PDB file of all heavy atoms in Angstrom:
ATOM      1  N   LYS A   1      -9.690   7.130  -3.298  1.00  0.00           N
ATOM      2  CA  LYS A   1      -9.068   8.244  -2.602  1.00  0.00           C
ATOM      3  C   LYS A   1      -7.780   8.638  -3.310  1.00  0.00           C
ATOM      4  O   LYS A   1      -7.119   7.719  -3.944  1.00  0.00           O
ATOM      5  CB  LYS A   1      -8.866   7.928  -1.154  1.00  0.00           C
ATOM      6  CG  LYS A   1     -10.098   7.789  -0.293  1.00  0.00           C
ATOM      7  CD  LYS A   1      -9.790   7.623   1.204  1.00  0.00           C
ATOM      8  CE  LYS A   1     -10.997   7.812   2.074  1.00  0.00           C
ATOM      9  NZ  LYS A   1     -12.037   6.854   1.813  1.00  0.00           N
ATOM     10  N   GLN A   2      -7.419   9.845  -3.261  1.00  0.00           N
ATOM     11  CA  GLN A   2      -6.246  10.347  -3.926  1.00  0.00           C
ATOM     12  C   GLN A   2      -5.129  10.690  -2.915  1.00  0.00           C
ATOM     13  O   GLN A   2      -5.343  11.434  -1.968  1.00  0.00           O
ATOM     14  CB  GLN A   2      -6.589  11.636  -4.691  1.00  0.00           C
ATOM     15  CG  GLN A   2      -7.604  11.447  -5.716  1.00  0.00           C
ATOM     16  CD  GLN A   2      -7.133  10.588  -6.906  1.00  0.00           C
ATOM     17  OE1 GLN A   2      -6.138  10.939  -7.590  1.00  0.00           O
ATOM     18  NE2 GLN A   2      -7.753   9.468  -7.107  1.00  0.00           N
ATOM     19  N   PRO A   3      -3.925  10.115  -3.043  1.00  0.00           N
ATOM     20  CA  PRO A   3      -2.841  10.390  -2.132  1.00  0.00           C
ATOM     21  C   PRO A   3      -2.390  11.813  -2.256  1.00  0.00           C
ATOM     22  O   PRO A   3      -2.452  12.408  -3.310  1.00  0.00           O
ATOM     23  CB  PRO A   3      -1.740   9.414  -2.466  1.00  0.00           C
ATOM     24  CG  PRO A   3      -2.054   9.080  -3.887  1.00  0.00           C
ATOM     25  CD  PRO A   3      -3.544   9.135  -4.076  1.00  0.00           C
ATOM     26  N   LYS A   4      -1.818  12.323  -1.152  1.00  0.00           N
ATOM     27  CA  LYS A   4      -1.194  13.686  -1.158  1.00  0.00           C
ATOM     28  C   LYS A   4       0.067  13.627  -1.974  1.00  0.00           C
ATOM     29  O   LYS A   4       0.431  14.605  -2.631  1.00  0.00           O
ATOM     30  CB  LYS A   4      -0.957  14.148   0.251  1.00  0.00           C
ATOM     31  CG  LYS A   4      -0.425  15.587   0.308  1.00  0.00           C
ATOM     32  CD  LYS A   4      -0.667  16.172   1.720  1.00  0.00           C
ATOM     33  CE  LYS A   4       0.132  15.549   2.780  1.00  0.00           C
ATOM     34  NZ  LYS A   4       0.012  16.196   4.112  1.00  0.00           N
ATOM     35  N   SER A   5       0.794  12.501  -1.854  1.00  0.00           N
ATOM     36  CA  SER A   5       2.077  12.335  -2.629  1.00  0.00           C
ATOM     37  C   SER A   5       2.389  10.874  -2.691  1.00  0.00           C
ATOM     38  O   SER A   5       1.763  10.037  -1.998  1.00  0.00           O
ATOM     39  CB  SER A   5       3.208  13.082  -1.985  1.00  0.00           C
ATOM     40  OG  SER A   5       3.463  12.616  -0.669  1.00  0.00           O
ATOM     41  N   GLY A   6       3.274  10.501  -3.518  1.00  0.00           N
ATOM     42  CA  GLY A   6       3.716   9.087  -3.714  1.00  0.00           C
ATOM     43  C   GLY A   6       3.109   8.551  -4.971  1.00  0.00           C
ATOM     44  O   GLY A   6       2.408   9.167  -5.729  1.00  0.00           O
ATOM     45  N   LYS A   7       3.464   7.286  -5.267  1.00  0.00           N
ATOM     46  CA  LYS A   7       3.123   6.614  -6.517  1.00  0.00           C
ATOM     47  C   LYS A   7       2.512   5.247  -6.226  1.00  0.00           C
ATOM     48  O   LYS A   7       2.931   4.549  -5.321  1.00  0.00           O
ATOM     49  CB  LYS A   7       4.314   6.385  -7.443  1.00  0.00           C
ATOM     50  CG  LYS A   7       4.847   7.695  -8.048  1.00  0.00           C
ATOM     51  CD  LYS A   7       5.856   7.347  -9.156  1.00  0.00           C
ATOM     52  CE  LYS A   7       6.977   6.440  -8.686  1.00  0.00           C
ATOM     53  NZ  LYS A   7       7.967   6.152  -9.820  1.00  0.00           N
ATOM     54  N   ILE A   8       1.508   4.898  -7.020  1.00  0.00           N
ATOM     55  CA  ILE A   8       0.898   3.541  -7.007  1.00  0.00           C
ATOM     56  C   ILE A   8       0.847   3.041  -8.406  1.00  0.00           C
ATOM     57  O   ILE A   8       0.363   3.771  -9.309  1.00  0.00           O
ATOM     58  CB  ILE A   8      -0.523   3.595  -6.392  1.00  0.00           C
ATOM     59  CG1 ILE A   8      -0.606   4.224  -5.040  1.00  0.00           C
ATOM     60  CG2 ILE A   8      -1.102   2.215  -6.379  1.00  0.00           C
ATOM     61  CD1 ILE A   8      -1.965   4.551  -4.517  1.00  0.00           C
ATOM     62  N   LEU A   9       1.305   1.833  -8.625  1.00  0.00           N
ATOM     63  CA  LEU A   9       1.289   1.246  -9.916  1.00  0.00           C
ATOM     64  C   LEU A   9       0.640  -0.165  -9.854  1.00  0.00           C
ATOM     65  O   LEU A   9       0.961  -0.948  -8.980  1.00  0.00           O
ATOM     66  CB  LEU A   9       2.695   1.116 -10.517  1.00  0.00           C
ATOM     67  CG  LEU A   9       3.467   2.367 -10.826  1.00  0.00           C
ATOM     68  CD1 LEU A   9       4.386   2.686  -9.694  1.00  0.00           C
ATOM     69  CD2 LEU A   9       4.275   2.201 -12.115  1.00  0.00           C
ATOM     70  N   ILE A  10      -0.285  -0.375 -10.768  1.00  0.00           N
ATOM     71  CA  ILE A  10      -0.950  -1.674 -10.910  1.00  0.00           C
ATOM     72  C   ILE A  10      -0.538  -2.218 -12.206  1.00  0.00           C
ATOM     73  O   ILE A  10      -0.846  -1.683 -13.252  1.00  0.00           O
ATOM     74  CB  ILE A  10      -2.461  -1.582 -10.844  1.00  0.00           C
ATOM     75  CG1 ILE A  10      -2.915  -0.886  -9.531  1.00  0.00           C
ATOM     76  CG2 ILE A  10      -3.145  -2.902 -10.990  1.00  0.00           C
ATOM     77  CD1 ILE A  10      -2.636  -1.661  -8.296  1.00  0.00           C
ATOM     78  N   ASN A  11       0.200  -3.387 -12.230  1.00  0.00           N
ATOM     79  CA  ASN A  11       0.747  -3.938 -13.495  1.00  0.00           C
ATOM     80  C   ASN A  11       1.408  -2.810 -14.353  1.00  0.00           C
ATOM     81  O   ASN A  11       1.184  -2.697 -15.540  1.00  0.00           O
ATOM     82  CB  ASN A  11      -0.383  -4.581 -14.313  1.00  0.00           C
ATOM     83  CG  ASN A  11      -0.806  -5.900 -13.694  1.00  0.00           C
ATOM     84  OD1 ASN A  11      -0.002  -6.614 -13.062  1.00  0.00           O
ATOM     85  ND2 ASN A  11      -2.067  -6.294 -13.908  1.00  0.00           N
ATOM     86  N   ASN A  12       2.273  -2.020 -13.617  1.00  0.00           N
ATOM     87  CA  ASN A  12       3.008  -0.932 -14.253  1.00  0.00           C
ATOM     88  C   ASN A  12       2.181   0.222 -14.777  1.00  0.00           C
ATOM     89  O   ASN A  12       2.714   1.080 -15.495  1.00  0.00           O
ATOM     90  CB  ASN A  12       3.961  -1.464 -15.334  1.00  0.00           C
ATOM     91  CG  ASN A  12       5.070  -2.350 -14.782  1.00  0.00           C
ATOM     92  OD1 ASN A  12       5.637  -2.010 -13.780  1.00  0.00           O
ATOM     93  ND2 ASN A  12       5.322  -3.494 -15.448  1.00  0.00           N
ATOM     94  N   ILE A  13       0.918   0.292 -14.425  1.00  0.00           N
ATOM     95  CA  ILE A  13       0.089   1.409 -14.819  1.00  0.00           C
ATOM     96  C   ILE A  13      -0.090   2.297 -13.622  1.00  0.00           C
ATOM     97  O   ILE A  13      -0.459   1.856 -12.509  1.00  0.00           O
ATOM     98  CB  ILE A  13      -1.340   0.884 -15.264  1.00  0.00           C
ATOM     99  CG1 ILE A  13      -1.202  -0.162 -16.387  1.00  0.00           C
ATOM    100  CG2 ILE A  13      -2.203   2.055 -15.688  1.00  0.00           C
ATOM    101  CD1 ILE A  13      -2.493  -0.910 -16.611  1.00  0.00           C
ATOM    102  N   HIS A  14       0.210   3.606 -13.774  1.00  0.00           N
ATOM    103  CA  HIS A  14       0.015   4.565 -12.702  1.00  0.00           C
ATOM    104  C   HIS A  14      -1.431   4.710 -12.330  1.00  0.00           C
ATOM    105  O   HIS A  14      -2.249   4.890 -13.222  1.00  0.00           O
ATOM    106  CB  HIS A  14       0.646   5.913 -13.111  1.00  0.00           C
ATOM    107  CG  HIS A  14       2.139   5.923 -13.095  1.00  0.00           C
ATOM    108  ND1 HIS A  14       2.903   6.350 -11.918  1.00  0.00           N
ATOM    109  CD2 HIS A  14       3.076   5.633 -14.033  1.00  0.00           C
ATOM    110  CE1 HIS A  14       4.160   6.280 -12.259  1.00  0.00           C
ATOM    111  NE2 HIS A  14       4.264   5.782 -13.536  1.00  0.00           N
ATOM    112  N   VAL A  15      -1.717   4.659 -11.048  1.00  0.00           N
ATOM    113  CA  VAL A  15      -3.071   4.871 -10.546  1.00  0.00           C
ATOM    114  C   VAL A  15      -3.290   6.346 -10.470  1.00  0.00           C
ATOM    115  O   VAL A  15      -3.016   7.022  -9.489  1.00  0.00           O
ATOM    116  CB  VAL A  15      -3.316   4.182  -9.200  1.00  0.00           C
ATOM    117  CG1 VAL A  15      -4.751   4.404  -8.719  1.00  0.00           C
ATOM    118  CG2 VAL A  15      -3.034   2.692  -9.329  1.00  0.00           C
ATOM    119  N   GLU A  16      -3.821   6.907 -11.604  1.00  0.00           N
ATOM    120  CA  GLU A  16      -4.061   8.332 -11.744  1.00  0.00           C
ATOM    121  C   GLU A  16      -5.399   8.441 -12.497  1.00  0.00           C
ATOM    122  O   GLU A  16      -5.875   7.477 -13.155  1.00  0.00           O
ATOM    123  CB  GLU A  16      -2.964   9.008 -12.573  1.00  0.00           C
ATOM    124  CG  GLU A  16      -1.606   8.963 -11.960  1.00  0.00           C
ATOM    125  CD  GLU A  16      -0.500   9.460 -12.823  1.00  0.00           C
ATOM    126  OE1 GLU A  16      -0.688   9.420 -14.100  1.00  0.00           O
ATOM    127  OE2 GLU A  16       0.486   9.895 -12.281  1.00  0.00           O
ATOM    128  N   PRO A  17      -6.092   9.555 -12.247  1.00  0.00           N
ATOM    129  CA  PRO A  17      -7.431   9.712 -12.822  1.00  0.00           C
ATOM    130  C   PRO A  17      -7.621   9.310 -14.281  1.00  0.00           C
ATOM    131  O   PRO A  17      -8.624   8.643 -14.677  1.00  0.00           O
ATOM    132  CB  PRO A  17      -7.817  11.178 -12.613  1.00  0.00           C
ATOM    133  CG  PRO A  17      -7.019  11.593 -11.399  1.00  0.00           C
ATOM    134  CD  PRO A  17      -5.712  10.739 -11.456  1.00  0.00           C
ATOM    135  N   GLU A  18      -6.693   9.674 -15.074  1.00  0.00           N
ATOM    136  CA  GLU A  18      -6.750   9.308 -16.550  1.00  0.00           C
ATOM    137  C   GLU A  18      -6.621   7.807 -16.793  1.00  0.00           C
ATOM    138  O   GLU A  18      -6.994   7.355 -17.888  1.00  0.00           O
ATOM    139  CB  GLU A  18      -5.720  10.102 -17.378  1.00  0.00           C
ATOM    140  CG  GLU A  18      -4.284   9.836 -16.992  1.00  0.00           C
ATOM    141  CD  GLU A  18      -3.787  10.796 -15.964  1.00  0.00           C
ATOM    142  OE1 GLU A  18      -4.556  11.316 -15.132  1.00  0.00           O
ATOM    143  OE2 GLU A  18      -2.569  11.036 -15.981  1.00  0.00           O
ATOM    144  N   ASN A  19      -6.155   7.043 -15.815  1.00  0.00           N
ATOM    145  CA  ASN A  19      -5.948   5.639 -16.012  1.00  0.00           C
ATOM    146  C   ASN A  19      -6.882   4.764 -15.199  1.00  0.00           C
ATOM    147  O   ASN A  19      -6.820   3.561 -15.195  1.00  0.00           O
ATOM    148  CB  ASN A  19      -4.510   5.251 -15.629  1.00  0.00           C
ATOM    149  CG  ASN A  19      -3.447   5.872 -16.478  1.00  0.00           C
ATOM    150  OD1 ASN A  19      -3.687   6.182 -17.637  1.00  0.00           O
ATOM    151  ND2 ASN A  19      -2.270   6.137 -15.841  1.00  0.00           N
ATOM    152  N   PHE A  20      -7.835   5.404 -14.520  1.00  0.00           N
ATOM    153  CA  PHE A  20      -8.694   4.656 -13.542  1.00  0.00           C
ATOM    154  C   PHE A  20      -9.449   3.495 -14.252  1.00  0.00           C
ATOM    155  O   PHE A  20      -9.534   2.411 -13.748  1.00  0.00           O
ATOM    156  CB  PHE A  20      -9.690   5.573 -12.880  1.00  0.00           C
ATOM    157  CG  PHE A  20      -9.092   6.378 -11.737  1.00  0.00           C
ATOM    158  CD1 PHE A  20      -9.857   7.426 -11.142  1.00  0.00           C
ATOM    159  CD2 PHE A  20      -7.813   6.094 -11.253  1.00  0.00           C
ATOM    160  CE1 PHE A  20      -9.226   8.181 -10.144  1.00  0.00           C
ATOM    161  CE2 PHE A  20      -7.242   6.884 -10.239  1.00  0.00           C
ATOM    162  CZ  PHE A  20      -8.028   7.895  -9.658  1.00  0.00           C
ATOM    163  N   ALA A  21      -9.995   3.799 -15.410  1.00  0.00           N
ATOM    164  CA  ALA A  21     -10.773   2.748 -16.109  1.00  0.00           C
ATOM    165  C   ALA A  21      -9.947   1.533 -16.449  1.00  0.00           C
ATOM    166  O   ALA A  21     -10.346   0.399 -16.267  1.00  0.00           O
ATOM    167  CB  ALA A  21     -11.395   3.330 -17.374  1.00  0.00           C
ATOM    168  N   GLU A  22      -8.718   1.772 -16.914  1.00  0.00           N
ATOM    169  CA  GLU A  22      -7.781   0.701 -17.282  1.00  0.00           C
ATOM    170  C   GLU A  22      -7.329  -0.027 -16.007  1.00  0.00           C
ATOM    171  O   GLU A  22      -7.330  -1.273 -15.942  1.00  0.00           O
ATOM    172  CB  GLU A  22      -6.584   1.243 -18.011  1.00  0.00           C
ATOM    173  CG  GLU A  22      -5.630   0.116 -18.488  1.00  0.00           C
ATOM    174  CD  GLU A  22      -4.430   0.757 -19.267  1.00  0.00           C
ATOM    175  OE1 GLU A  22      -4.256   1.954 -19.332  1.00  0.00           O
ATOM    176  OE2 GLU A  22      -3.640  -0.105 -19.746  1.00  0.00           O
ATOM    177  N   VAL A  23      -6.982   0.701 -14.911  1.00  0.00           N
ATOM    178  CA  VAL A  23      -6.512   0.098 -13.720  1.00  0.00           C
ATOM    179  C   VAL A  23      -7.547  -0.834 -13.091  1.00  0.00           C
ATOM    180  O   VAL A  23      -7.304  -1.962 -12.683  1.00  0.00           O
ATOM    181  CB  VAL A  23      -6.140   1.142 -12.654  1.00  0.00           C
ATOM    182  CG1 VAL A  23      -6.054   0.584 -11.252  1.00  0.00           C
ATOM    183  CG2 VAL A  23      -4.860   1.865 -13.047  1.00  0.00           C
ATOM    184  N   ARG A  24      -8.814  -0.371 -13.145  1.00  0.00           N
ATOM    185  CA  ARG A  24      -9.921  -1.168 -12.531  1.00  0.00           C
ATOM    186  C   ARG A  24     -10.297  -2.420 -13.339  1.00  0.00           C
ATOM    187  O   ARG A  24     -10.988  -3.270 -12.800  1.00  0.00           O
ATOM    188  CB  ARG A  24     -11.124  -0.237 -12.296  1.00  0.00           C
ATOM    189  CG  ARG A  24     -10.793   0.701 -11.180  1.00  0.00           C
ATOM    190  CD  ARG A  24     -11.895   1.848 -11.066  1.00  0.00           C
ATOM    191  NE  ARG A  24     -11.454   2.779 -10.062  1.00  0.00           N
ATOM    192  CZ  ARG A  24     -12.005   4.038  -9.833  1.00  0.00           C
ATOM    193  NH1 ARG A  24     -13.003   4.399 -10.670  1.00  0.00           N
ATOM    194  NH2 ARG A  24     -11.608   4.788  -8.904  1.00  0.00           N
ATOM    195  N   ARG A  25      -9.800  -2.506 -14.555  1.00  0.00           N
ATOM    196  CA  ARG A  25      -9.929  -3.778 -15.283  1.00  0.00           C
ATOM    197  C   ARG A  25      -9.025  -4.904 -14.720  1.00  0.00           C
ATOM    198  O   ARG A  25      -9.286  -6.073 -14.914  1.00  0.00           O
ATOM    199  CB  ARG A  25      -9.652  -3.637 -16.778  1.00  0.00           C
ATOM    200  CG  ARG A  25     -10.628  -2.792 -17.549  1.00  0.00           C
ATOM    201  CD  ARG A  25     -12.034  -3.338 -17.619  1.00  0.00           C
ATOM    202  NE  ARG A  25     -12.050  -4.653 -18.247  1.00  0.00           N
ATOM    203  CZ  ARG A  25     -12.316  -4.750 -19.554  1.00  0.00           C
ATOM    204  NH1 ARG A  25     -12.554  -3.698 -20.311  1.00  0.00           N
ATOM    205  NH2 ARG A  25     -12.321  -5.972 -20.107  1.00  0.00           N
ATOM    206  N   HIS A  26      -7.994  -4.471 -14.006  1.00  0.00           N
ATOM    207  CA  HIS A  26      -7.051  -5.432 -13.443  1.00  0.00           C
ATOM    208  C   HIS A  26      -7.355  -5.840 -12.046  1.00  0.00           C
ATOM    209  O   HIS A  26      -6.769  -6.827 -11.568  1.00  0.00           O
ATOM    210  CB  HIS A  26      -5.613  -4.818 -13.493  1.00  0.00           C
ATOM    211  CG  HIS A  26      -5.060  -4.585 -14.857  1.00  0.00           C
ATOM    212  ND1 HIS A  26      -4.355  -5.532 -15.555  1.00  0.00           N
ATOM    213  CD2 HIS A  26      -5.190  -3.541 -15.692  1.00  0.00           C
ATOM    214  CE1 HIS A  26      -4.003  -5.110 -16.760  1.00  0.00           C
ATOM    215  NE2 HIS A  26      -4.510  -3.900 -16.857  1.00  0.00           N
ATOM    216  N   ILE A  27      -8.215  -5.071 -11.297  1.00  0.00           N
ATOM    217  CA  ILE A  27      -8.408  -5.249  -9.896  1.00  0.00           C
ATOM    218  C   ILE A  27      -9.833  -5.632  -9.660  1.00  0.00           C
ATOM    219  O   ILE A  27     -10.782  -4.980 -10.170  1.00  0.00           O
ATOM    220  CB  ILE A  27      -8.066  -3.940  -9.109  1.00  0.00           C
ATOM    221  CG1 ILE A  27      -6.604  -3.654  -9.213  1.00  0.00           C
ATOM    222  CG2 ILE A  27      -8.469  -4.120  -7.639  1.00  0.00           C
ATOM    223  CD1 ILE A  27      -6.196  -2.429  -8.428  1.00  0.00           C
ATOM    224  N   GLY A  28     -10.028  -6.620  -8.805  1.00  0.00           N
ATOM    225  CA  GLY A  28     -11.321  -6.923  -8.196  1.00  0.00           C
ATOM    226  C   GLY A  28     -11.341  -6.401  -6.789  1.00  0.00           C
ATOM    227  O   GLY A  28     -10.438  -6.812  -5.974  1.00  0.00           O
ATOM    228  N   PHE A  29     -12.326  -5.529  -6.393  1.00  0.00           N
ATOM    229  CA  PHE A  29     -12.346  -4.968  -5.090  1.00  0.00           C
ATOM    230  C   PHE A  29     -13.565  -5.307  -4.342  1.00  0.00           C
ATOM    231  O   PHE A  29     -14.692  -5.053  -4.864  1.00  0.00           O
ATOM    232  CB  PHE A  29     -12.148  -3.460  -5.156  1.00  0.00           C
ATOM    233  CG  PHE A  29     -12.059  -2.734  -3.823  1.00  0.00           C
ATOM    234  CD1 PHE A  29     -10.830  -2.627  -3.173  1.00  0.00           C
ATOM    235  CD2 PHE A  29     -13.140  -2.181  -3.189  1.00  0.00           C
ATOM    236  CE1 PHE A  29     -10.667  -2.048  -1.986  1.00  0.00           C
ATOM    237  CE2 PHE A  29     -13.033  -1.577  -1.963  1.00  0.00           C
ATOM    238  CZ  PHE A  29     -11.771  -1.499  -1.327  1.00  0.00           C
ATOM    239  N   GLY A  30     -13.428  -5.909  -3.181  1.00  0.00           N
ATOM    240  CA  GLY A  30     -14.591  -6.266  -2.381  1.00  0.00           C
ATOM    241  C   GLY A  30     -14.751  -5.315  -1.161  1.00  0.00           C
ATOM    242  O   GLY A  30     -13.864  -5.223  -0.320  1.00  0.00           O
ATOM    243  N   PHE A  31     -15.820  -4.562  -1.131  1.00  0.00           N
ATOM    244  CA  PHE A  31     -16.043  -3.621  -0.042  1.00  0.00           C
ATOM    245  C   PHE A  31     -16.462  -4.393   1.288  1.00  0.00           C
ATOM    246  O   PHE A  31     -16.820  -5.551   1.226  1.00  0.00           O
ATOM    247  CB  PHE A  31     -17.200  -2.713  -0.365  1.00  0.00           C
ATOM    248  CG  PHE A  31     -16.876  -1.703  -1.442  1.00  0.00           C
ATOM    249  CD1 PHE A  31     -17.138  -2.037  -2.791  1.00  0.00           C
ATOM    250  CD2 PHE A  31     -16.294  -0.493  -1.182  1.00  0.00           C
ATOM    251  CE1 PHE A  31     -16.792  -1.167  -3.817  1.00  0.00           C
ATOM    252  CE2 PHE A  31     -15.923   0.370  -2.169  1.00  0.00           C
ATOM    253  CZ  PHE A  31     -16.212   0.108  -3.507  1.00  0.00           C
ATOM    254  N   GLN A  32     -16.324  -3.707   2.365  1.00  0.00           N
ATOM    255  CA  GLN A  32     -16.705  -4.323   3.693  1.00  0.00           C
ATOM    256  C   GLN A  32     -18.136  -4.794   3.731  1.00  0.00           C
ATOM    257  O   GLN A  32     -18.371  -5.881   4.206  1.00  0.00           O
ATOM    258  CB  GLN A  32     -16.530  -3.305   4.854  1.00  0.00           C
ATOM    259  CG  GLN A  32     -15.096  -3.038   5.186  1.00  0.00           C
ATOM    260  CD  GLN A  32     -14.985  -2.252   6.506  1.00  0.00           C
ATOM    261  OE1 GLN A  32     -15.784  -2.407   7.410  1.00  0.00           O
ATOM    262  NE2 GLN A  32     -13.951  -1.373   6.543  1.00  0.00           N
ATOM    263  N   ASP A  33     -19.040  -4.072   3.119  1.00  0.00           N
ATOM    264  CA  ASP A  33     -20.421  -4.435   3.093  1.00  0.00           C
ATOM    265  C   ASP A  33     -20.811  -4.960   1.725  1.00  0.00           C
ATOM    266  O   ASP A  33     -20.783  -4.248   0.747  1.00  0.00           O
ATOM    267  CB  ASP A  33     -21.331  -3.143   3.420  1.00  0.00           C
ATOM    268  CG  ASP A  33     -22.777  -3.514   3.564  1.00  0.00           C
ATOM    269  OD1 ASP A  33     -23.214  -4.668   3.261  1.00  0.00           O
ATOM    270  OD2 ASP A  33     -23.548  -2.668   4.001  1.00  0.00           O
ATOM    271  N   ALA A  34     -21.137  -6.284   1.690  1.00  0.00           N
ATOM    272  CA  ALA A  34     -21.468  -6.966   0.404  1.00  0.00           C
ATOM    273  C   ALA A  34     -22.665  -6.255  -0.298  1.00  0.00           C
ATOM    274  O   ALA A  34     -22.732  -6.272  -1.502  1.00  0.00           O
ATOM    275  CB  ALA A  34     -21.735  -8.412   0.645  1.00  0.00           C
ATOM    276  N   ASN A  35     -23.503  -5.626   0.517  1.00  0.00           N
ATOM    277  CA  ASN A  35     -24.704  -4.994  -0.073  1.00  0.00           C
ATOM    278  C   ASN A  35     -24.336  -3.852  -1.003  1.00  0.00           C
ATOM    279  O   ASN A  35     -25.112  -3.426  -1.866  1.00  0.00           O
ATOM    280  CB  ASN A  35     -25.632  -4.537   1.038  1.00  0.00           C
ATOM    281  CG  ASN A  35     -26.241  -5.657   1.777  1.00  0.00           C
ATOM    282  OD1 ASN A  35     -26.641  -6.700   1.136  1.00  0.00           O
ATOM    283  ND2 ASN A  35     -26.331  -5.591   3.074  1.00  0.00           N
ATOM    284  N   ASP A  36     -23.121  -3.305  -0.753  1.00  0.00           N
ATOM    285  CA  ASP A  36     -22.666  -2.239  -1.672  1.00  0.00           C
ATOM    286  C   ASP A  36     -22.474  -2.681  -3.108  1.00  0.00           C
ATOM    287  O   ASP A  36     -22.360  -1.818  -4.012  1.00  0.00           O
ATOM    288  CB  ASP A  36     -21.360  -1.572  -1.127  1.00  0.00           C
ATOM    289  CG  ASP A  36     -21.575  -0.779   0.133  1.00  0.00           C
ATOM    290  OD1 ASP A  36     -22.724  -0.417   0.435  1.00  0.00           O
ATOM    291  OD2 ASP A  36     -20.593  -0.612   0.833  1.00  0.00           O
ATOM    292  N   GLN A  37     -22.304  -3.968  -3.329  1.00  0.00           N
ATOM    293  CA  GLN A  37     -22.060  -4.499  -4.689  1.00  0.00           C
ATOM    294  C   GLN A  37     -23.167  -5.303  -5.201  1.00  0.00           C
ATOM    295  O   GLN A  37     -23.141  -5.799  -6.350  1.00  0.00           O
ATOM    296  CB  GLN A  37     -20.771  -5.384  -4.571  1.00  0.00           C
ATOM    297  CG  GLN A  37     -19.558  -4.561  -4.289  1.00  0.00           C
ATOM    298  CD  GLN A  37     -18.361  -5.434  -4.027  1.00  0.00           C
ATOM    299  OE1 GLN A  37     -17.967  -5.678  -2.901  1.00  0.00           O
ATOM    300  NE2 GLN A  37     -17.691  -5.842  -5.119  1.00  0.00           N
ATOM    301  N   LEU A  38     -24.294  -5.450  -4.455  1.00  0.00           N
ATOM    302  CA  LEU A  38     -25.464  -6.182  -4.937  1.00  0.00           C
ATOM    303  C   LEU A  38     -26.665  -5.290  -4.978  1.00  0.00           C
ATOM    304  O   LEU A  38     -27.208  -4.910  -3.921  1.00  0.00           O
ATOM    305  CB  LEU A  38     -25.753  -7.367  -3.985  1.00  0.00           C
ATOM    306  CG  LEU A  38     -24.549  -8.381  -3.809  1.00  0.00           C
ATOM    307  CD1 LEU A  38     -24.827  -9.394  -2.693  1.00  0.00           C
ATOM    308  CD2 LEU A  38     -24.214  -9.083  -5.103  1.00  0.00           C
ATOM    309  N   PHE A  39     -27.110  -4.945  -6.176  1.00  0.00           N
ATOM    310  CA  PHE A  39     -28.112  -3.910  -6.336  1.00  0.00           C
ATOM    311  C   PHE A  39     -29.132  -4.265  -7.385  1.00  0.00           C
ATOM    312  O   PHE A  39     -30.091  -3.509  -7.597  1.00  0.00           O
ATOM    313  CB  PHE A  39     -27.500  -2.536  -6.626  1.00  0.00           C
ATOM    314  CG  PHE A  39     -26.497  -2.648  -7.843  1.00  0.00           C
ATOM    315  CD1 PHE A  39     -26.952  -2.486  -9.104  1.00  0.00           C
ATOM    316  CD2 PHE A  39     -25.177  -2.793  -7.599  1.00  0.00           C
ATOM    317  CE1 PHE A  39     -26.088  -2.558 -10.171  1.00  0.00           C
ATOM    318  CE2 PHE A  39     -24.270  -2.871  -8.626  1.00  0.00           C
ATOM    319  CZ  PHE A  39     -24.718  -2.752  -9.989  1.00  0.00           C
ATOM    320  N   MET A  40     -29.006  -5.340  -8.075  1.00  0.00           N
ATOM    321  CA  MET A  40     -29.915  -5.730  -9.145  1.00  0.00           C
ATOM    322  C   MET A  40     -31.087  -6.542  -8.574  1.00  0.00           C
ATOM    323  O   MET A  40     -30.962  -7.048  -7.431  1.00  0.00           O
ATOM    324  CB  MET A  40     -29.185  -6.497 -10.262  1.00  0.00           C
ATOM    325  CG  MET A  40     -28.055  -5.723 -10.915  1.00  0.00           C
ATOM    326  SD  MET A  40     -28.674  -4.373 -11.905  1.00  0.00           S
ATOM    327  CE  MET A  40     -29.408  -5.231 -13.284  1.00  0.00           C
ATOM    328  N   PRO A  41     -32.146  -6.771  -9.314  1.00  0.00           N
ATOM    329  CA  PRO A  41     -33.258  -7.549  -8.762  1.00  0.00           C
ATOM    330  C   PRO A  41     -32.961  -8.987  -8.392  1.00  0.00           C
ATOM    331  O   PRO A  41     -33.543  -9.511  -7.484  1.00  0.00           O
ATOM    332  CB  PRO A  41     -34.240  -7.500  -9.913  1.00  0.00           C
ATOM    333  CG  PRO A  41     -33.952  -6.263 -10.715  1.00  0.00           C
ATOM    334  CD  PRO A  41     -32.439  -6.128 -10.592  1.00  0.00           C
ATOM    335  N   THR A  42     -32.014  -9.608  -9.042  1.00  0.00           N
ATOM    336  CA  THR A  42     -31.624 -10.950  -8.752  1.00  0.00           C
ATOM    337  C   THR A  42     -30.107 -11.144  -8.653  1.00  0.00           C
ATOM    338  O   THR A  42     -29.361 -10.340  -9.272  1.00  0.00           O
ATOM    339  CB  THR A  42     -32.138 -12.005  -9.812  1.00  0.00           C
ATOM    340  OG1 THR A  42     -31.446 -11.783 -11.055  1.00  0.00           O
ATOM    341  CG2 THR A  42     -33.693 -11.844 -10.062  1.00  0.00           C
TER     342      THR A  42
END
């Protein structure tokens, strides 16, 4: 989600669309429903 205003930094990297790929290398995110992350045959 994108804030209306304000800043978010992960390891001094601004959380902005152009940096999403780099930011997500630093963060592990677990959703409420584990099934959202398990989709392969095994």
